[in-house]
Amino acid sequence: MSGERQLRVVDLGRREYREALELQRSIARWRRNSPPDHDLLLLVEHLPVITVGRGSREEHTLPDAAWLADEGMDVVEIERGGDLTYHGPGQLVGYPILDLHAHRKDLHWYLRRIEEVLLRVLAECGLPAFRVASYTGAWTGSPPPGSLEAVEDDGFGAIAAARADALIGAGAIRKVASIGVHASRWITSHGFALNVTPEPLVNFRGIVACGIHGVRMTSLASEGASLTLEEAGEAVLRAFPVAFPALAPLQAPVVGLRDMSF
């Protein structure tokens, strides 16, 4: 029933990507075999890493090995959708491990709801917030009047695909959060990365971020909304039960891994 399913939240702190990857894989695997009566959200800040999704194209090559070594950058190939992206300090990463049987068995719907969570965070910060029809993620900027089309019941508009590349190339629209998800037997894994401080932005310059040529990655702080990672996480948690109506507003505290029984 609407608003009754609990979302439990675990703050992993700052961790190596591979460690968090194996944790979420093991939790998702266990949940596929023993469907729980609640959902789970892991929040984490990663050490520098480039991840390579299933949608990565050959022309979107990695930076050279010397640069990767100088930056202490790990590279991990993973099963999520999407192309290359970067994770690192100053970025809030969220891994929702949801049972979509309790929500809606529709991955397109799920992606739009994760976008809604992030767009609501931007809107709460007073920033323009919209989708781009041809690309997933949460976007901000100053598109020309008439560029936005309403495409979802959540009230957030979208840049039409035909106009997107020109506006991206001109820097009129900028990407503040990336999304790449995976689901097996309707249990989700992987998730979203929200740039909170400007710190992650420099390392996006070495890749074709999310497979979008010319994209300008930005952060909440770069757009004028200075939040801590903790404050950004709190905004995400307020948005989740709005975007996912089956979830109850968060009542239990955010806990650390040691205090969590999955």
Protein backbone atom coordinates (compact mmCIF):
# COMPACT_ATOMS: atom_id res chain seq x y z
CA MET A 1 0.00 0.00 0.00
CA SER A 2 1.10 3.57 -0.63
CA GLY A 3 3.52 5.09 1.86
CA GLU A 4 4.03 2.00 4.00
CA ARG A 5 7.29 0.46 2.80
CA GLN A 6 10.34 1.38 4.86
CA LEU A 7 13.55 2.71 3.33
CA ARG A 8 16.58 1.92 5.46
CA VAL A 9 19.65 4.06 4.86
CA VAL A 10 23.28 3.16 5.48
CA ASP A 11 26.06 5.74 5.35
CA LEU A 12 29.23 3.95 4.26
CA GLY A 13 31.40 7.06 4.60
CA ARG A 14 34.39 7.27 2.26
CA ARG A 15 35.31 3.92 0.70
CA GLU A 16 37.17 2.32 -2.17
CA TYR A 17 34.83 1.67 -5.07
CA ARG A 18 35.56 -2.06 -5.30
CA GLU A 19 34.70 -2.57 -1.64
CA ALA A 20 31.30 -0.88 -2.03
CA LEU A 21 30.69 -2.73 -5.30
CA GLU A 22 31.12 -6.14 -3.69
CA LEU A 23 28.96 -5.08 -0.75
CA GLN A 24 26.03 -4.02 -2.91
CA ARG A 25 26.40 -7.12 -5.12
CA SER A 26 26.28 -9.40 -2.09
CA ILE A 27 23.26 -7.59 -0.63
CA ALA A 28 21.39 -7.66 -3.95
CA ARG A 29 22.20 -11.35 -4.40
CA TRP A 30 20.87 -12.17 -0.94
CA ARG A 31 17.72 -10.11 -1.52
CA ARG A 32 16.95 -11.88 -4.78
CA ASN A 33 16.78 -15.14 -2.85
CA SER A 34 15.03 -13.75 0.23
CA PRO A 35 12.86 -10.77 -0.77
CA PRO A 36 12.80 -8.34 2.17
CA ASP A 37 9.90 -6.31 3.53
CA HIS A 38 11.90 -3.07 3.22
CA ASP A 39 14.18 -1.29 0.77
CA LEU A 40 17.75 -0.15 1.23
CA LEU A 41 19.83 2.86 0.20
CA LEU A 42 23.61 2.88 0.55
CA LEU A 43 25.23 6.33 0.57
CA VAL A 44 28.96 6.62 -0.03
CA GLU A 45 31.76 8.94 -1.06
CA HIS A 46 34.32 7.12 -3.19
CA LEU A 47 38.04 7.43 -3.58
CA PRO A 48 38.96 8.34 -7.18
CA VAL A 49 37.77 5.79 -9.74
CA ILE A 50 36.59 5.61 -13.34
CA THR A 51 33.84 3.08 -13.94
CA VAL A 52 33.05 1.57 -17.33
CA GLY A 53 29.42 0.55 -17.93
CA ARG A 54 27.93 -1.91 -20.40
CA GLY A 55 27.07 0.92 -22.79
CA SER A 56 30.67 2.10 -23.16
CA ARG A 57 31.76 2.59 -26.78
CA GLU A 58 35.22 1.89 -28.18
CA GLU A 59 35.74 5.49 -29.27
CA HIS A 60 35.27 6.64 -25.67
CA THR A 61 38.72 5.55 -24.59
CA LEU A 62 40.20 5.78 -21.13
CA PRO A 63 42.92 8.30 -20.32
CA ASP A 64 46.46 7.03 -20.82
CA ALA A 65 47.94 4.72 -18.23
CA ALA A 66 50.52 7.26 -17.05
CA TRP A 67 47.82 9.81 -16.20
CA LEU A 68 45.78 7.17 -14.39
CA ALA A 69 48.82 6.16 -12.36
CA ASP A 70 49.76 9.77 -11.54
CA GLU A 71 46.23 10.46 -10.33
CA GLY A 72 46.03 7.20 -8.37
CA MET A 73 42.92 6.40 -10.39
CA ASP A 74 41.35 2.95 -10.33
CA VAL A 75 39.38 1.69 -13.35
CA VAL A 76 36.54 -0.81 -12.88
CA GLU A 77 34.33 -2.46 -15.50
CA ILE A 78 30.84 -3.05 -14.15
CA GLU A 79 27.41 -4.34 -15.13
CA ARG A 80 25.43 -1.11 -14.91
CA GLY A 81 24.10 0.63 -17.99
CA GLY A 82 25.78 3.71 -19.38
CA ASP A 83 29.28 4.69 -20.44
CA LEU A 84 32.38 5.99 -18.63
CA THR A 85 31.99 8.09 -15.53
CA TYR A 86 34.08 9.29 -12.62
CA HIS A 87 33.51 8.97 -8.88
CA GLY A 88 35.54 10.70 -6.20
CA PRO A 89 35.63 12.98 -3.16
CA GLY A 90 33.02 15.73 -3.15
CA GLN A 91 30.46 13.53 -4.85
CA LEU A 92 27.50 11.84 -3.14
CA VAL A 93 26.92 8.36 -4.56
CA GLY A 94 23.74 6.45 -3.82
CA TYR A 95 23.03 2.78 -4.38
CA PRO A 96 19.30 2.05 -4.03
CA ILE A 97 18.73 -1.67 -3.57
CA LEU A 98 14.98 -1.76 -4.13
CA ASP A 99 12.58 -4.59 -4.76
CA LEU A 100 10.61 -3.32 -7.74
CA HIS A 101 7.90 -5.92 -7.12
CA ALA A 102 6.82 -3.55 -4.33
CA HIS A 103 6.94 -0.48 -6.61
CA ARG A 104 6.58 -1.09 -10.35
CA LYS A 105 8.29 -3.68 -12.53
CA ASP A 106 9.43 -1.17 -15.12
CA LEU A 107 13.07 -0.06 -15.47
CA HIS A 108 12.17 3.00 -17.53
CA TRP A 109 9.83 4.12 -14.75
CA TYR A 110 12.56 3.41 -12.18
CA LEU A 111 15.11 5.55 -14.02
CA ARG A 112 12.65 8.44 -14.22
CA ARG A 113 12.00 8.19 -10.49
CA ILE A 114 15.71 8.30 -9.65
CA GLU A 115 15.93 11.36 -11.89
CA GLU A 116 13.02 12.86 -9.98
CA VAL A 117 14.85 12.37 -6.67
CA LEU A 118 17.85 14.29 -7.97
CA LEU A 119 15.79 16.98 -9.67
CA ARG A 120 13.94 17.58 -6.41
CA VAL A 121 17.29 18.09 -4.67
CA LEU A 122 18.24 20.71 -7.27
CA ALA A 123 14.86 22.43 -6.96
CA GLU A 124 15.13 22.46 -3.16
CA CYS A 125 18.47 24.25 -3.61
CA GLY A 126 16.78 26.87 -5.79
CA LEU A 127 18.48 25.70 -8.99
CA PRO A 128 16.86 25.15 -12.39
CA ALA A 129 16.17 21.42 -12.68
CA PHE A 130 15.23 19.50 -15.79
CA ARG A 131 15.79 16.36 -17.82
CA VAL A 132 17.34 15.95 -21.26
CA ALA A 133 15.19 13.64 -23.35
CA SER A 134 18.11 11.90 -25.02
CA TYR A 135 20.27 11.40 -21.91
CA THR A 136 19.65 10.22 -18.36
CA GLY A 137 20.64 12.26 -15.33
CA ALA A 138 19.80 15.56 -13.68
CA TRP A 139 20.58 18.81 -15.48
CA THR A 140 20.67 22.50 -14.73
CA GLY A 141 21.54 25.70 -16.56
CA SER A 142 19.83 28.41 -18.57
CA PRO A 143 18.15 26.94 -21.64
CA PRO A 144 16.47 29.42 -24.02
CA PRO A 145 12.77 30.10 -23.49
CA GLY A 146 10.61 27.43 -25.07
CA SER A 147 13.30 24.72 -24.80
CA LEU A 148 11.56 22.74 -22.07
CA GLU A 149 8.77 20.29 -22.65
CA ALA A 150 6.74 18.77 -19.81
CA VAL A 151 7.05 15.02 -20.12
CA GLU A 152 6.42 13.62 -16.64
CA ASP A 153 3.72 13.86 -14.01
CA ASP A 154 6.33 15.01 -11.50
CA GLY A 155 6.27 18.46 -13.13
CA PHE A 156 9.86 18.54 -14.34
CA GLY A 157 10.41 19.49 -17.95
CA ALA A 158 12.85 18.05 -20.45
CA ILE A 159 15.02 19.43 -23.22
CA ALA A 160 13.91 17.92 -26.52
CA ALA A 161 16.42 15.51 -28.03
CA ALA A 162 16.66 17.58 -31.24
CA ARG A 163 17.94 20.61 -29.29
CA ALA A 164 20.04 18.86 -26.66
CA ASP A 165 23.43 18.54 -28.36
CA ALA A 166 23.55 22.18 -29.44
CA LEU A 167 22.65 23.39 -25.95
CA ILE A 168 25.19 21.02 -24.38
CA GLY A 169 27.91 22.23 -26.75
CA ALA A 170 27.11 25.85 -25.94
CA GLY A 171 27.29 25.19 -22.18
CA ALA A 172 23.71 26.39 -21.73
CA ILE A 173 22.77 23.15 -20.01
CA ARG A 174 25.06 21.31 -17.60
CA LYS A 175 24.93 17.89 -15.98
CA VAL A 176 25.06 17.80 -12.19
CA ALA A 177 24.17 14.16 -11.54
CA SER A 178 24.67 10.89 -13.41
CA ILE A 179 22.63 7.69 -13.25
CA GLY A 180 23.52 4.12 -14.17
CA VAL A 181 21.45 1.21 -12.90
CA HIS A 182 21.22 -2.55 -13.02
CA ALA A 183 18.41 -4.91 -12.04
CA SER A 184 18.20 -8.67 -11.72
CA ARG A 185 14.88 -10.34 -10.92
CA TRP A 186 13.63 -6.80 -10.19
CA ILE A 187 16.16 -6.16 -7.42
CA THR A 188 18.06 -2.99 -8.30
CA SER A 189 21.71 -2.11 -7.81
CA HIS A 190 24.12 0.66 -8.81
CA GLY A 191 22.45 4.07 -8.87
CA PHE A 192 23.36 7.76 -8.97
CA ALA A 193 26.23 10.19 -8.43
CA LEU A 194 25.53 13.79 -7.43
CA ASN A 195 28.38 16.31 -7.71
CA VAL A 196 28.15 18.34 -4.51
CA THR A 197 31.43 20.27 -4.44
CA PRO A 198 33.60 21.33 -7.41
CA GLU A 199 36.26 18.79 -6.41
CA PRO A 200 35.12 15.96 -8.75
CA LEU A 201 34.92 18.15 -11.84
CA VAL A 202 38.59 18.25 -12.78
CA ASN A 203 38.74 14.48 -13.25
CA PHE A 204 35.79 14.44 -15.65
CA ARG A 205 37.99 16.31 -18.12
CA GLY A 206 39.99 13.18 -18.86
CA ILE A 207 37.01 11.19 -20.18
CA VAL A 208 33.96 11.54 -22.40
CA ALA A 209 31.68 11.73 -19.37
CA CYS A 210 28.64 9.48 -19.69
CA GLY A 211 29.41 9.14 -23.40
CA ILE A 212 28.19 12.69 -24.12
CA HIS A 213 30.62 14.65 -26.27
CA GLY A 214 31.10 18.23 -25.12
CA VAL A 215 29.13 17.82 -21.90
CA ARG A 216 30.00 20.24 -19.13
CA MET A 217 29.79 18.53 -15.76
CA THR A 218 28.93 20.83 -12.87
CA SER A 219 28.21 20.64 -9.16
CA LEU A 220 25.74 22.09 -6.70
CA ALA A 221 28.42 24.44 -5.36
CA SER A 222 29.49 25.53 -8.85
CA GLU A 223 25.90 26.55 -9.53
CA GLY A 224 25.64 28.52 -6.29
CA ALA A 225 24.24 25.96 -3.81
CA SER A 226 26.90 25.23 -1.19
CA LEU A 227 25.90 22.08 0.69
CA THR A 228 27.92 19.57 2.64
CA LEU A 229 27.66 15.94 1.55
CA GLU A 230 25.60 15.31 4.67
CA GLU A 231 23.15 18.07 3.76
CA ALA A 232 22.91 16.77 0.19
CA GLY A 233 22.19 13.31 1.57
CA GLU A 234 19.41 14.69 3.75
CA ALA A 235 17.84 16.35 0.69
CA VAL A 236 18.01 13.05 -1.19
CA LEU A 237 16.24 11.28 1.66
CA ARG A 238 13.45 13.86 1.71
CA ALA A 239 12.93 13.34 -2.02
CA PHE A 240 12.85 9.54 -2.08
CA PRO A 241 9.35 8.97 -0.64
CA VAL A 242 7.98 11.70 -2.92
CA ALA A 243 9.38 10.03 -6.03
CA PHE A 244 8.55 6.51 -4.80
CA PRO A 245 5.02 6.67 -3.35
CA ALA A 246 5.22 3.18 -1.83
CA LEU A 247 7.89 4.42 0.59
CA ALA A 248 7.07 5.89 3.97
CA PRO A 249 8.84 9.14 4.96
CA LEU A 250 12.14 8.28 6.58
CA GLN A 251 11.75 7.74 10.31
CA ALA A 252 14.64 5.47 11.27
CA PRO A 253 18.02 7.23 11.56
CA VAL A 254 20.75 6.85 8.99
CA VAL A 255 23.13 4.22 10.35
CA GLY A 256 26.62 2.96 9.68
CA LEU A 257 27.36 -0.45 8.25
CA ARG A 258 28.16 -1.98 11.62
CA ASP A 259 24.74 -1.02 12.96
CA MET A 260 22.78 -2.42 10.01
CA SER A 261 21.11 -5.80 9.64
CA PHE A 262 20.12 -6.25 6.01
